[in-house]
Amino acid sequence: MKIRGYSFKCESPFFVYFKKHYCPCCGQKLIRKKVSQIIHSDSEEAKDYDFEVADMPVKGYMKFTHIEFFCPACQKQYTVKETKENDFLIERWK
């Protein structure tokens, strides 16, 4: 299996890297974690991903990486979108 392209997507980099985030369940500080998937351009799940690198379509396997948050205490994983919603709710409760 030869990987033909790489894609790293970081939604809201200031939110991800410069703000502290806490678990809505236990209150523990969340850790950033890179999550990767290798997907073939002809597979069923390929329709959810963009297989273009430098405006050229990629055929074959491509590695997609993004950031998620992980709670070391309760072992839960949150996407950036879920973390934004949780932060909003936590701020409202204060």
N, C-alpha and C. Protein backbone atom coordinates (compact mmCIF):
# COMPACT_ATOMS: atom_id res chain seq x y z
N MET A 1 0.85 -1.17 0.00
CA MET A 1 0.00 0.00 0.00
C MET A 1 0.90 1.24 0.00
N LYS A 2 0.83 1.99 -1.06
CA LYS A 2 1.62 3.21 -1.19
C LYS A 2 0.69 4.41 -1.03
N ILE A 3 1.03 5.30 -0.11
CA ILE A 3 0.23 6.49 0.12
C ILE A 3 0.63 7.55 -0.90
N ARG A 4 -0.35 8.04 -1.63
CA ARG A 4 -0.11 9.00 -2.71
C ARG A 4 -0.26 10.46 -2.30
N GLY A 5 -0.87 10.71 -1.14
CA GLY A 5 -1.06 12.09 -0.71
C GLY A 5 -1.36 12.17 0.78
N TYR A 6 -1.14 13.36 1.34
CA TYR A 6 -1.41 13.62 2.75
C TYR A 6 -2.28 14.87 2.87
N SER A 7 -3.14 14.88 3.88
CA SER A 7 -3.98 16.04 4.13
C SER A 7 -4.06 16.24 5.64
N PHE A 8 -3.69 17.44 6.11
CA PHE A 8 -3.82 17.80 7.52
C PHE A 8 -4.79 18.95 7.63
N LYS A 9 -5.86 18.74 8.38
CA LYS A 9 -6.89 19.76 8.53
C LYS A 9 -6.97 20.16 10.00
N CYS A 10 -6.87 21.46 10.25
CA CYS A 10 -6.99 21.97 11.61
C CYS A 10 -8.06 23.04 11.63
N GLU A 11 -9.20 22.71 12.21
CA GLU A 11 -10.28 23.68 12.33
C GLU A 11 -9.96 24.62 13.49
N SER A 12 -10.10 25.91 13.29
CA SER A 12 -9.93 26.93 14.32
C SER A 12 -8.61 26.77 15.08
N PRO A 13 -7.46 27.02 14.44
CA PRO A 13 -6.17 26.79 15.10
C PRO A 13 -5.98 27.56 16.41
N PHE A 14 -6.48 28.79 16.50
CA PHE A 14 -6.35 29.54 17.75
C PHE A 14 -7.14 28.88 18.87
N PHE A 15 -8.32 28.39 18.55
CA PHE A 15 -9.16 27.68 19.53
C PHE A 15 -8.47 26.39 19.99
N VAL A 16 -7.85 25.69 19.05
CA VAL A 16 -7.23 24.40 19.35
C VAL A 16 -5.95 24.55 20.16
N TYR A 17 -5.06 25.47 19.76
CA TYR A 17 -3.73 25.53 20.35
C TYR A 17 -3.56 26.54 21.49
N PHE A 18 -4.38 27.59 21.57
CA PHE A 18 -4.12 28.64 22.54
C PHE A 18 -5.13 28.73 23.68
N LYS A 19 -6.12 27.87 23.71
CA LYS A 19 -7.13 27.90 24.75
C LYS A 19 -7.11 26.58 25.51
N LYS A 20 -7.34 26.65 26.81
CA LYS A 20 -7.42 25.43 27.61
C LYS A 20 -8.84 24.89 27.54
N HIS A 21 -8.95 23.57 27.44
CA HIS A 21 -10.26 22.92 27.32
C HIS A 21 -10.38 21.87 28.41
N TYR A 22 -11.61 21.72 28.91
CA TYR A 22 -11.86 20.80 30.01
C TYR A 22 -13.00 19.86 29.66
N CYS A 23 -12.93 18.65 30.20
CA CYS A 23 -13.94 17.62 29.95
C CYS A 23 -15.26 18.03 30.61
N PRO A 24 -16.37 17.96 29.87
CA PRO A 24 -17.67 18.31 30.47
C PRO A 24 -18.16 17.28 31.48
N CYS A 25 -17.61 16.07 31.44
CA CYS A 25 -18.05 15.02 32.37
C CYS A 25 -17.32 15.07 33.71
N CYS A 26 -15.97 15.17 33.65
CA CYS A 26 -15.20 15.07 34.89
C CYS A 26 -14.41 16.34 35.23
N GLY A 27 -14.29 17.29 34.30
CA GLY A 27 -13.58 18.53 34.57
C GLY A 27 -12.09 18.47 34.36
N GLN A 28 -11.57 17.33 33.93
CA GLN A 28 -10.13 17.16 33.68
C GLN A 28 -9.72 17.94 32.43
N LYS A 29 -8.47 18.44 32.40
CA LYS A 29 -7.99 19.16 31.23
C LYS A 29 -7.83 18.19 30.05
N LEU A 30 -8.32 18.61 28.88
CA LEU A 30 -8.26 17.76 27.69
C LEU A 30 -6.91 17.87 27.00
N ILE A 31 -6.50 16.80 26.34
CA ILE A 31 -5.23 16.72 25.62
C ILE A 31 -5.52 16.68 24.13
N ARG A 32 -4.73 17.43 23.35
CA ARG A 32 -4.87 17.37 21.89
C ARG A 32 -4.28 16.05 21.39
N LYS A 33 -4.95 15.48 20.40
CA LYS A 33 -4.50 14.21 19.85
C LYS A 33 -4.70 14.22 18.33
N LYS A 34 -3.68 13.80 17.58
CA LYS A 34 -3.81 13.69 16.13
C LYS A 34 -4.47 12.35 15.81
N VAL A 35 -5.46 12.42 14.93
CA VAL A 35 -6.18 11.23 14.50
C VAL A 35 -6.00 11.10 12.99
N SER A 36 -5.56 9.93 12.53
CA SER A 36 -5.29 9.72 11.11
C SER A 36 -6.10 8.55 10.57
N GLN A 37 -6.44 8.67 9.29
CA GLN A 37 -7.11 7.59 8.57
C GLN A 37 -6.49 7.50 7.18
N ILE A 38 -6.32 6.29 6.70
CA ILE A 38 -5.85 6.07 5.33
C ILE A 38 -7.05 5.55 4.55
N ILE A 39 -7.38 6.28 3.48
CA ILE A 39 -8.59 5.98 2.71
C ILE A 39 -8.24 5.88 1.23
N HIS A 40 -8.82 4.90 0.57
CA HIS A 40 -8.62 4.75 -0.88
C HIS A 40 -9.65 5.59 -1.62
N SER A 41 -9.25 6.18 -2.72
CA SER A 41 -10.12 7.09 -3.46
C SER A 41 -11.33 6.39 -4.08
N ASP A 42 -11.30 5.08 -4.24
CA ASP A 42 -12.41 4.34 -4.82
C ASP A 42 -13.34 3.71 -3.77
N SER A 43 -13.07 3.92 -2.49
CA SER A 43 -13.88 3.29 -1.45
C SER A 43 -15.17 4.06 -1.22
N GLU A 44 -16.08 3.46 -0.46
CA GLU A 44 -17.38 4.07 -0.15
C GLU A 44 -17.23 5.34 0.67
N GLU A 45 -16.31 5.36 1.64
CA GLU A 45 -16.16 6.52 2.52
C GLU A 45 -15.40 7.67 1.87
N ALA A 46 -14.89 7.48 0.66
CA ALA A 46 -14.13 8.53 -0.03
C ALA A 46 -14.99 9.73 -0.40
N LYS A 47 -16.30 9.53 -0.49
CA LYS A 47 -17.18 10.66 -0.88
C LYS A 47 -17.20 11.75 0.19
N ASP A 48 -16.80 11.44 1.43
CA ASP A 48 -16.78 12.40 2.52
C ASP A 48 -15.47 13.18 2.62
N TYR A 49 -14.51 12.88 1.76
CA TYR A 49 -13.18 13.50 1.83
C TYR A 49 -12.81 14.16 0.51
N ASP A 50 -11.89 15.11 0.60
CA ASP A 50 -11.40 15.83 -0.57
C ASP A 50 -10.07 15.21 -1.01
N PHE A 51 -10.03 14.61 -2.18
CA PHE A 51 -8.84 13.94 -2.68
C PHE A 51 -8.07 14.82 -3.65
N GLU A 52 -7.89 16.10 -3.31
CA GLU A 52 -7.10 16.99 -4.15
C GLU A 52 -5.92 17.53 -3.37
N VAL A 53 -4.74 17.49 -3.98
CA VAL A 53 -3.53 18.05 -3.41
C VAL A 53 -2.96 19.00 -4.44
N ALA A 54 -2.85 20.27 -4.08
CA ALA A 54 -2.34 21.31 -4.99
C ALA A 54 -3.14 21.34 -6.29
N ASP A 55 -4.46 21.29 -6.16
CA ASP A 55 -5.40 21.34 -7.29
C ASP A 55 -5.25 20.19 -8.27
N MET A 56 -4.70 19.07 -7.81
CA MET A 56 -4.58 17.87 -8.65
C MET A 56 -5.28 16.72 -7.93
N PRO A 57 -6.17 16.00 -8.60
CA PRO A 57 -6.84 14.87 -7.96
C PRO A 57 -5.87 13.72 -7.70
N VAL A 58 -6.05 13.06 -6.56
CA VAL A 58 -5.20 11.95 -6.16
C VAL A 58 -5.98 10.65 -6.34
N LYS A 59 -5.39 9.68 -7.01
CA LYS A 59 -5.97 8.34 -7.15
C LYS A 59 -5.15 7.38 -6.31
N GLY A 60 -5.82 6.57 -5.53
CA GLY A 60 -5.14 5.62 -4.67
C GLY A 60 -5.34 5.97 -3.20
N TYR A 61 -4.39 5.57 -2.37
CA TYR A 61 -4.50 5.78 -0.93
C TYR A 61 -4.02 7.18 -0.55
N MET A 62 -4.76 7.79 0.39
CA MET A 62 -4.40 9.11 0.90
C MET A 62 -4.60 9.12 2.40
N LYS A 63 -3.67 9.78 3.12
CA LYS A 63 -3.73 9.84 4.57
C LYS A 63 -4.35 11.18 5.00
N PHE A 64 -5.43 11.11 5.79
CA PHE A 64 -6.12 12.29 6.29
C PHE A 64 -5.89 12.38 7.80
N THR A 65 -5.43 13.53 8.27
CA THR A 65 -5.13 13.74 9.68
C THR A 65 -5.86 14.98 10.18
N HIS A 66 -6.39 14.90 11.39
CA HIS A 66 -7.02 16.05 12.03
C HIS A 66 -6.81 15.97 13.54
N ILE A 67 -7.16 17.04 14.25
CA ILE A 67 -6.98 17.12 15.69
C ILE A 67 -8.30 16.84 16.40
N GLU A 68 -8.22 16.04 17.47
CA GLU A 68 -9.35 15.83 18.36
C GLU A 68 -8.84 15.98 19.79
N PHE A 69 -9.76 16.09 20.73
CA PHE A 69 -9.40 16.23 22.14
C PHE A 69 -9.72 14.94 22.88
N PHE A 70 -8.86 14.61 23.86
CA PHE A 70 -8.96 13.35 24.59
C PHE A 70 -8.90 13.64 26.08
N CYS A 71 -9.80 13.02 26.85
CA CYS A 71 -9.78 13.14 28.31
C CYS A 71 -9.05 11.94 28.90
N PRO A 72 -7.93 12.17 29.59
CA PRO A 72 -7.18 11.04 30.16
C PRO A 72 -7.89 10.38 31.34
N ALA A 73 -8.79 11.09 32.00
CA ALA A 73 -9.47 10.52 33.17
C ALA A 73 -10.61 9.58 32.78
N CYS A 74 -11.52 10.06 31.93
CA CYS A 74 -12.68 9.21 31.59
C CYS A 74 -12.57 8.58 30.20
N GLN A 75 -11.43 8.75 29.53
CA GLN A 75 -11.12 8.07 28.26
C GLN A 75 -12.12 8.42 27.14
N LYS A 76 -12.64 9.64 27.14
CA LYS A 76 -13.56 10.06 26.08
C LYS A 76 -12.83 10.94 25.08
N GLN A 77 -13.28 10.88 23.85
CA GLN A 77 -12.67 11.66 22.78
C GLN A 77 -13.72 12.60 22.18
N TYR A 78 -13.31 13.87 21.95
CA TYR A 78 -14.22 14.88 21.44
C TYR A 78 -13.65 15.53 20.18
N THR A 79 -14.51 15.81 19.23
CA THR A 79 -14.09 16.56 18.04
C THR A 79 -13.98 18.04 18.42
N VAL A 80 -13.42 18.84 17.53
CA VAL A 80 -13.29 20.28 17.77
C VAL A 80 -14.69 20.90 17.90
N LYS A 81 -15.62 20.46 17.06
CA LYS A 81 -16.99 20.99 17.11
C LYS A 81 -17.65 20.67 18.46
N GLU A 82 -17.52 19.45 18.93
CA GLU A 82 -18.08 19.07 20.23
C GLU A 82 -17.43 19.86 21.36
N THR A 83 -16.14 20.09 21.27
CA THR A 83 -15.43 20.84 22.30
C THR A 83 -15.91 22.29 22.35
N LYS A 84 -16.15 22.88 21.18
CA LYS A 84 -16.68 24.25 21.15
C LYS A 84 -18.04 24.31 21.82
N GLU A 85 -18.90 23.35 21.52
CA GLU A 85 -20.23 23.32 22.14
C GLU A 85 -20.13 23.10 23.65
N ASN A 86 -19.23 22.20 24.09
CA ASN A 86 -19.05 21.94 25.51
C ASN A 86 -18.50 23.16 26.24
N ASP A 87 -17.54 23.87 25.63
CA ASP A 87 -16.98 25.07 26.25
C ASP A 87 -18.06 26.14 26.42
N PHE A 88 -18.92 26.26 25.43
CA PHE A 88 -20.02 27.23 25.51
C PHE A 88 -20.94 26.88 26.68
N LEU A 89 -21.29 25.60 26.82
CA LEU A 89 -22.18 25.17 27.90
C LEU A 89 -21.52 25.34 29.27
N ILE A 90 -20.23 25.04 29.37
CA ILE A 90 -19.50 25.18 30.64
C ILE A 90 -19.46 26.65 31.05
N GLU A 91 -19.22 27.56 30.10
CA GLU A 91 -19.19 28.99 30.41
C GLU A 91 -20.57 29.48 30.86
N ARG A 92 -21.63 28.92 30.29
CA ARG A 92 -23.00 29.33 30.67
C ARG A 92 -23.35 28.89 32.08
N TRP A 93 -22.80 27.72 32.51
CA TRP A 93 -23.11 27.21 33.84
C TRP A 93 -22.46 28.03 34.94
N LYS A 94 -21.37 28.74 34.63
CA LYS A 94 -20.62 29.49 35.66
C LYS A 94 -21.39 30.70 36.11
